[in-house]
All heavy atoms as atom14 arrays in JSON, in Angstrom:
{
  "sequence": "MVALNSEVPLLEIALACGYSDQAHMNRDMQRWFA",
  "atom14_mask": [
    [1, 1, 1, 1, 1, 1, 1, 1, 0, 0, 0, 0, 0, 0],
    [1, 1, 1, 1, 1, 1, 1, 0, 0, 0, 0, 0, 0, 0],
    [1, 1, 1, 1, 1, 0, 0, 0, 0, 0, 0, 0, 0, 0],
    [1, 1, 1, 1, 1, 1, 1, 1, 0, 0, 0, 0, 0, 0],
    [1, 1, 1, 1, 1, 1, 1, 1, 0, 0, 0, 0, 0, 0],
    [1, 1, 1, 1, 1, 1, 0, 0, 0, 0, 0, 0, 0, 0],
    [1, 1, 1, 1, 1, 1, 1, 1, 1, 0, 0, 0, 0, 0],
    [1, 1, 1, 1, 1, 1, 1, 0, 0, 0, 0, 0, 0, 0],
    [1, 1, 1, 1, 1, 1, 1, 0, 0, 0, 0, 0, 0, 0],
    [1, 1, 1, 1, 1, 1, 1, 1, 0, 0, 0, 0, 0, 0],
    [1, 1, 1, 1, 1, 1, 1, 1, 0, 0, 0, 0, 0, 0],
    [1, 1, 1, 1, 1, 1, 1, 1, 1, 0, 0, 0, 0, 0],
    [1, 1, 1, 1, 1, 1, 1, 1, 0, 0, 0, 0, 0, 0],
    [1, 1, 1, 1, 1, 0, 0, 0, 0, 0, 0, 0, 0, 0],
    [1, 1, 1, 1, 1, 1, 1, 1, 0, 0, 0, 0, 0, 0],
    [1, 1, 1, 1, 1, 0, 0, 0, 0, 0, 0, 0, 0, 0],
    [1, 1, 1, 1, 1, 1, 0, 0, 0, 0, 0, 0, 0, 0],
    [1, 1, 1, 1, 0, 0, 0, 0, 0, 0, 0, 0, 0, 0],
    [1, 1, 1, 1, 1, 1, 1, 1, 1, 1, 1, 1, 0, 0],
    [1, 1, 1, 1, 1, 1, 0, 0, 0, 0, 0, 0, 0, 0],
    [1, 1, 1, 1, 1, 1, 1, 1, 0, 0, 0, 0, 0, 0],
    [1, 1, 1, 1, 1, 1, 1, 1, 1, 0, 0, 0, 0, 0],
    [1, 1, 1, 1, 1, 0, 0, 0, 0, 0, 0, 0, 0, 0],
    [1, 1, 1, 1, 1, 1, 1, 1, 1, 1, 0, 0, 0, 0],
    [1, 1, 1, 1, 1, 1, 1, 1, 0, 0, 0, 0, 0, 0],
    [1, 1, 1, 1, 1, 1, 1, 1, 0, 0, 0, 0, 0, 0],
    [1, 1, 1, 1, 1, 1, 1, 1, 1, 1, 1, 0, 0, 0],
    [1, 1, 1, 1, 1, 1, 1, 1, 0, 0, 0, 0, 0, 0],
    [1, 1, 1, 1, 1, 1, 1, 1, 0, 0, 0, 0, 0, 0],
    [1, 1, 1, 1, 1, 1, 1, 1, 1, 0, 0, 0, 0, 0],
    [1, 1, 1, 1, 1, 1, 1, 1, 1, 1, 1, 0, 0, 0],
    [1, 1, 1, 1, 1, 1, 1, 1, 1, 1, 1, 1, 1, 1],
    [1, 1, 1, 1, 1, 1, 1, 1, 1, 1, 1, 0, 0, 0],
    [1, 1, 1, 1, 1, 0, 0, 0, 0, 0, 0, 0, 0, 0]
  ],
  "atom14_positions": [
    [[-2.4, 3.03, 7.07], [-3.19, 3.93, 6.17], [-4.19, 3.13, 5.4], [-5.35, 3.59, 5.23], [-2.23, 4.65, 5.23], [-1.38, 5.7, 5.87], [-0.21, 6.49, 4.73], [-1.37, 7.42, 3.71], [0.0, 0.0, 0.0], [0.0, 0.0, 0.0], [0.0, 0.0, 0.0], [0.0, 0.0, 0.0], [0.0, 0.0, 0.0], [0.0, 0.0, 0.0]],
    [[-3.86, 1.94, 4.95], [-4.77, 1.08, 4.23], [-5.96, 0.69, 5.11], [-7.12, 0.74, 4.71], [-4.08, -0.2, 3.72], [-5.1, -1.24, 3.25], [-3.12, 0.15, 2.57], [0.0, 0.0, 0.0], [0.0, 0.0, 0.0], [0.0, 0.0, 0.0], [0.0, 0.0, 0.0], [0.0, 0.0, 0.0], [0.0, 0.0, 0.0], [0.0, 0.0, 0.0]],
    [[-5.65, 0.33, 6.37], [-6.7, -0.15, 7.3], [-7.62, 0.97, 7.74], [-8.82, 0.76, 7.9], [-6.06, -0.79, 8.49], [0.0, 0.0, 0.0], [0.0, 0.0, 0.0], [0.0, 0.0, 0.0], [0.0, 0.0, 0.0], [0.0, 0.0, 0.0], [0.0, 0.0, 0.0], [0.0, 0.0, 0.0], [0.0, 0.0, 0.0], [0.0, 0.0, 0.0]],
    [[-7.07, 2.19, 7.92], [-7.86, 3.25, 8.53], [-8.47, 4.26, 7.53], [-9.24, 5.11, 7.91], [-7.01, 4.0, 9.57], [-6.44, 3.17, 10.69], [-5.62, 4.02, 11.6], [-7.54, 2.45, 11.44], [0.0, 0.0, 0.0], [0.0, 0.0, 0.0], [0.0, 0.0, 0.0], [0.0, 0.0, 0.0], [0.0, 0.0, 0.0], [0.0, 0.0, 0.0]],
    [[-8.09, 4.1, 6.27], [-8.58, 5.02, 5.23], [-9.18, 4.24, 4.07], [-8.59, 4.11, 3.02], [-7.46, 5.92, 4.75], [-6.86, 6.8, 5.85], [-7.35, 7.86, 6.16], [-5.77, 6.33, 6.43], [0.0, 0.0, 0.0], [0.0, 0.0, 0.0], [0.0, 0.0, 0.0], [0.0, 0.0, 0.0], [0.0, 0.0, 0.0], [0.0, 0.0, 0.0]],
    [[-10.35, 3.69, 4.33], [-10.95, 2.74, 3.37], [-11.35, 3.42, 2.05], [-11.54, 2.73, 1.03], [-12.19, 2.06, 3.96], [-13.15, 3.05, 4.35], [0.0, 0.0, 0.0], [0.0, 0.0, 0.0], [0.0, 0.0, 0.0], [0.0, 0.0, 0.0], [0.0, 0.0, 0.0], [0.0, 0.0, 0.0], [0.0, 0.0, 0.0], [0.0, 0.0, 0.0]],
    [[-11.46, 4.74, 2.0], [-11.87, 5.43, 0.82], [-10.67, 5.89, -0.03], [-10.86, 6.29, -1.19], [-12.73, 6.65, 1.17], [-13.96, 6.33, 2.01], [-14.86, 5.35, 1.34], [-15.08, 5.46, 0.11], [-15.39, 4.42, 2.05], [0.0, 0.0, 0.0], [0.0, 0.0, 0.0], [0.0, 0.0, 0.0], [0.0, 0.0, 0.0], [0.0, 0.0, 0.0]],
    [[-9.47, 5.82, 0.5], [-8.31, 6.27, -0.25], [-7.81, 5.17, -1.16], [-7.61, 4.03, -0.71], [-7.18, 6.67, 0.74], [-5.94, 7.16, -0.03], [-7.69, 7.79, 1.67], [0.0, 0.0, 0.0], [0.0, 0.0, 0.0], [0.0, 0.0, 0.0], [0.0, 0.0, 0.0], [0.0, 0.0, 0.0], [0.0, 0.0, 0.0], [0.0, 0.0, 0.0]],
    [[-7.61, 5.43, -2.45], [-7.13, 4.43, -3.38], [-5.79, 3.84, -2.92], [-4.91, 4.57, -2.4], [-7.01, 5.17, -4.68], [-7.94, 6.33, -4.56], [-7.91, 6.72, -3.13], [0.0, 0.0, 0.0], [0.0, 0.0, 0.0], [0.0, 0.0, 0.0], [0.0, 0.0, 0.0], [0.0, 0.0, 0.0], [0.0, 0.0, 0.0], [0.0, 0.0, 0.0]],
    [[-5.59, 2.55, -3.15], [-4.35, 1.89, -2.72], [-3.13, 2.46, -3.4], [-2.05, 2.57, -2.79], [-4.47, 0.38, -2.97], [-5.54, -0.34, -2.13], [-5.57, -1.82, -2.54], [-5.27, -0.19, -0.63], [0.0, 0.0, 0.0], [0.0, 0.0, 0.0], [0.0, 0.0, 0.0], [0.0, 0.0, 0.0], [0.0, 0.0, 0.0], [0.0, 0.0, 0.0]],
    [[-3.27, 2.84, -4.68], [-2.13, 3.41, -5.38], [-1.7, 4.71, -4.73], [-0.5, 4.97, -4.59], [-2.5, 3.64, -6.83], [-1.42, 4.36, -7.72], [-0.12, 3.54, -7.68], [-1.88, 4.62, -9.13], [0.0, 0.0, 0.0], [0.0, 0.0, 0.0], [0.0, 0.0, 0.0], [0.0, 0.0, 0.0], [0.0, 0.0, 0.0], [0.0, 0.0, 0.0]],
    [[-2.67, 5.52, -4.33], [-2.33, 6.8, -3.66], [-1.56, 6.54, -2.35], [-0.57, 7.25, -2.05], [-3.62, 7.57, -3.38], [-3.41, 8.95, -2.8], [-4.71, 9.71, -2.65], [-5.62, 9.5, -3.47], [-4.8, 10.49, -1.7], [0.0, 0.0, 0.0], [0.0, 0.0, 0.0], [0.0, 0.0, 0.0], [0.0, 0.0, 0.0], [0.0, 0.0, 0.0]],
    [[-1.99, 5.52, -1.58], [-1.29, 5.19, -0.37], [0.11, 4.7, -0.66], [1.09, 5.06, 0.02], [-2.1, 4.15, 0.42], [-3.42, 4.76, 0.95], [-1.25, 3.59, 1.62], [-4.34, 3.81, 1.67], [0.0, 0.0, 0.0], [0.0, 0.0, 0.0], [0.0, 0.0, 0.0], [0.0, 0.0, 0.0], [0.0, 0.0, 0.0], [0.0, 0.0, 0.0]],
    [[0.24, 3.84, -1.66], [1.54, 3.28, -2.01], [2.53, 4.41, -2.35], [3.68, 4.43, -1.84], [1.41, 2.33, -3.18], [0.0, 0.0, 0.0], [0.0, 0.0, 0.0], [0.0, 0.0, 0.0], [0.0, 0.0, 0.0], [0.0, 0.0, 0.0], [0.0, 0.0, 0.0], [0.0, 0.0, 0.0], [0.0, 0.0, 0.0], [0.0, 0.0, 0.0]],
    [[2.11, 5.35, -3.17], [3.0, 6.45, -3.54], [3.31, 7.36, -2.35], [4.45, 7.83, -2.2], [2.38, 7.24, -4.69], [2.15, 6.49, -6.02], [1.48, 7.35, -7.01], [3.46, 5.92, -6.53], [0.0, 0.0, 0.0], [0.0, 0.0, 0.0], [0.0, 0.0, 0.0], [0.0, 0.0, 0.0], [0.0, 0.0, 0.0], [0.0, 0.0, 0.0]],
    [[2.35, 7.58, -1.5], [2.55, 8.44, -0.35], [3.56, 7.86, 0.64], [4.24, 8.57, 1.37], [1.22, 8.71, 0.36], [0.0, 0.0, 0.0], [0.0, 0.0, 0.0], [0.0, 0.0, 0.0], [0.0, 0.0, 0.0], [0.0, 0.0, 0.0], [0.0, 0.0, 0.0], [0.0, 0.0, 0.0], [0.0, 0.0, 0.0], [0.0, 0.0, 0.0]],
    [[3.64, 6.53, 0.64], [4.56, 5.82, 1.54], [5.92, 5.51, 0.91], [6.76, 4.87, 1.54], [3.92, 4.55, 2.06], [2.51, 4.84, 3.17], [0.0, 0.0, 0.0], [0.0, 0.0, 0.0], [0.0, 0.0, 0.0], [0.0, 0.0, 0.0], [0.0, 0.0, 0.0], [0.0, 0.0, 0.0], [0.0, 0.0, 0.0], [0.0, 0.0, 0.0]],
    [[6.11, 5.97, -0.3], [7.4, 5.81, -0.92], [7.58, 4.58, -1.78], [8.73, 4.28, -2.19], [0.0, 0.0, 0.0], [0.0, 0.0, 0.0], [0.0, 0.0, 0.0], [0.0, 0.0, 0.0], [0.0, 0.0, 0.0], [0.0, 0.0, 0.0], [0.0, 0.0, 0.0], [0.0, 0.0, 0.0], [0.0, 0.0, 0.0], [0.0, 0.0, 0.0]],
    [[6.54, 3.88, -2.06], [6.61, 2.73, -2.98], [6.61, 3.21, -4.45], [5.99, 4.21, -4.74], [5.43, 1.73, -2.74], [5.55, 1.01, -1.45], [4.76, 1.39, -0.34], [6.42, -0.06, -1.25], [4.83, 0.71, 0.85], [6.49, -0.76, -0.08], [5.69, -0.35, 1.0], [5.81, -1.0, 2.19], [0.0, 0.0, 0.0], [0.0, 0.0, 0.0]],
    [[7.24, 2.43, -5.29], [7.29, 2.83, -6.7], [5.93, 2.64, -7.37], [5.6, 3.37, -8.31], [8.37, 1.99, -7.44], [8.1, 0.6, -7.27], [0.0, 0.0, 0.0], [0.0, 0.0, 0.0], [0.0, 0.0, 0.0], [0.0, 0.0, 0.0], [0.0, 0.0, 0.0], [0.0, 0.0, 0.0], [0.0, 0.0, 0.0], [0.0, 0.0, 0.0]],
    [[5.16, 1.68, -6.92], [3.82, 1.46, -7.48], [3.02, 0.6, -6.49], [3.54, 0.18, -5.46], [3.87, 0.81, -8.85], [4.73, -0.43, -8.89], [4.81, -1.17, -7.87], [5.37, -0.7, -9.93], [0.0, 0.0, 0.0], [0.0, 0.0, 0.0], [0.0, 0.0, 0.0], [0.0, 0.0, 0.0], [0.0, 0.0, 0.0], [0.0, 0.0, 0.0]],
    [[1.79, 0.32, -6.82], [0.94, -0.47, -5.91], [1.44, -1.91, -5.79], [1.36, -2.52, -4.74], [-0.5, -0.44, -6.41], [-1.49, -1.17, -5.45], [-2.91, -1.11, -5.95], [-3.33, -0.12, -6.55], [-3.69, -2.15, -5.64], [0.0, 0.0, 0.0], [0.0, 0.0, 0.0], [0.0, 0.0, 0.0], [0.0, 0.0, 0.0], [0.0, 0.0, 0.0]],
    [[1.96, -2.44, -6.89], [2.45, -3.84, -6.85], [3.56, -4.01, -5.87], [3.67, -5.02, -5.16], [2.9, -4.26, -8.26], [0.0, 0.0, 0.0], [0.0, 0.0, 0.0], [0.0, 0.0, 0.0], [0.0, 0.0, 0.0], [0.0, 0.0, 0.0], [0.0, 0.0, 0.0], [0.0, 0.0, 0.0], [0.0, 0.0, 0.0], [0.0, 0.0, 0.0]],
    [[4.43, -2.99, -5.77], [5.51, -3.01, -4.81], [4.97, -3.1, -3.39], [5.44, -3.85, -2.53], [6.39, -1.76, -5.02], [7.66, -1.74, -4.2], [8.45, -0.64, -4.11], [8.21, -2.67, -3.42], [9.5, -0.91, -3.34], [9.34, -2.14, -2.87], [0.0, 0.0, 0.0], [0.0, 0.0, 0.0], [0.0, 0.0, 0.0], [0.0, 0.0, 0.0]],
    [[3.98, -2.25, -3.1], [3.35, -2.3, -1.75], [2.69, -3.62, -1.49], [2.76, -4.2, -0.4], [2.35, -1.16, -1.64], [1.71, -1.08, -0.23], [0.54, 0.33, -0.04], [-0.84, -0.22, -1.05], [0.0, 0.0, 0.0], [0.0, 0.0, 0.0], [0.0, 0.0, 0.0], [0.0, 0.0, 0.0], [0.0, 0.0, 0.0], [0.0, 0.0, 0.0]],
    [[2.01, -4.17, -2.53], [1.35, -5.46, -2.38], [2.36, -6.53, -1.94], [2.1, -7.36, -1.05], [0.71, -5.91, -3.66], [-0.52, -5.04, -4.01], [-0.91, -4.16, -3.24], [-1.08, -5.25, -5.2], [0.0, 0.0, 0.0], [0.0, 0.0, 0.0], [0.0, 0.0, 0.0], [0.0, 0.0, 0.0], [0.0, 0.0, 0.0], [0.0, 0.0, 0.0]],
    [[3.52, -6.57, -2.64], [4.55, -7.6, -2.3], [5.07, -7.41, -0.9], [5.26, -8.39, -0.14], [5.7, -7.52, -3.33], [5.36, -7.94, -4.73], [6.63, -8.12, -5.56], [7.37, -6.89, -5.7], [7.17, -6.0, -6.66], [6.23, -6.21, -7.55], [7.92, -4.92, -6.77], [0.0, 0.0, 0.0], [0.0, 0.0, 0.0], [0.0, 0.0, 0.0]],
    [[5.25, -6.15, -0.5], [5.75, -5.92, 0.86], [4.76, -6.36, 1.91], [5.16, -6.93, 2.95], [6.08, -4.42, 0.99], [7.5, -4.12, 1.42], [8.34, -5.05, 1.28], [7.78, -3.03, 1.94], [0.0, 0.0, 0.0], [0.0, 0.0, 0.0], [0.0, 0.0, 0.0], [0.0, 0.0, 0.0], [0.0, 0.0, 0.0], [0.0, 0.0, 0.0]],
    [[3.49, -6.07, 1.7], [2.48, -6.47, 2.69], [2.31, -7.98, 2.75], [2.09, -8.55, 3.83], [1.15, -5.81, 2.37], [1.16, -4.31, 2.72], [-0.53, -3.65, 2.82], [-0.14, -1.92, 3.14], [0.0, 0.0, 0.0], [0.0, 0.0, 0.0], [0.0, 0.0, 0.0], [0.0, 0.0, 0.0], [0.0, 0.0, 0.0], [0.0, 0.0, 0.0]],
    [[2.47, -8.65, 1.63], [2.38, -10.1, 1.65], [3.56, -10.7, 2.39], [3.4, -11.72, 3.09], [2.3, -10.65, 0.21], [0.99, -10.38, -0.46], [0.94, -10.83, -1.9], [1.92, -10.76, -2.6], [-0.22, -11.28, -2.34], [0.0, 0.0, 0.0], [0.0, 0.0, 0.0], [0.0, 0.0, 0.0], [0.0, 0.0, 0.0], [0.0, 0.0, 0.0]],
    [[4.72, -10.04, 2.27], [5.86, -10.56, 3.04], [5.71, -10.28, 4.53], [5.88, -11.21, 5.36], [7.11, -9.81, 2.52], [8.36, -10.11, 3.45], [9.48, -9.14, 3.15], [10.54, -9.24, 4.16], [11.6, -8.47, 4.23], [11.78, -7.47, 3.33], [12.49, -8.6, 5.19], [0.0, 0.0, 0.0], [0.0, 0.0, 0.0], [0.0, 0.0, 0.0]],
    [[5.42, -9.07, 4.89], [5.4, -8.67, 6.33], [4.14, -9.04, 7.06], [4.14, -9.29, 8.28], [5.64, -7.19, 6.48], [7.01, -6.68, 6.05], [7.34, -6.12, 4.89], [8.22, -6.74, 6.83], [8.68, -5.78, 4.87], [9.23, -6.18, 6.02], [8.57, -7.22, 8.08], [10.56, -6.05, 6.46], [9.87, -7.12, 8.52], [10.85, -6.56, 7.76]],
    [[2.98, -9.05, 6.36], [1.71, -9.27, 6.99], [1.02, -10.57, 6.54], [-0.05, -10.91, 7.08], [0.72, -8.13, 6.72], [1.22, -6.75, 7.15], [0.74, -5.59, 6.54], [2.15, -6.6, 8.15], [1.18, -4.33, 6.94], [2.59, -5.36, 8.57], [2.11, -4.22, 7.95], [0.0, 0.0, 0.0], [0.0, 0.0, 0.0], [0.0, 0.0, 0.0]],
    [[1.6, -11.23, 5.55], [0.96, -12.42, 5.0], [-0.46, -12.11, 4.51], [-1.37, -12.92, 4.53], [0.92, -13.58, 5.99], [0.0, 0.0, 0.0], [0.0, 0.0, 0.0], [0.0, 0.0, 0.0], [0.0, 0.0, 0.0], [0.0, 0.0, 0.0], [0.0, 0.0, 0.0], [0.0, 0.0, 0.0], [0.0, 0.0, 0.0], [0.0, 0.0, 0.0]]
  ]
}
């Protein structure tokens, strides 16, 4: 969603995917995607 929807705010994507906040998504992507 982040890669294919450049106009959608990251916080909106994080919440739509079940993350508690954007920081949570950031940590997950750094772990899985570096």
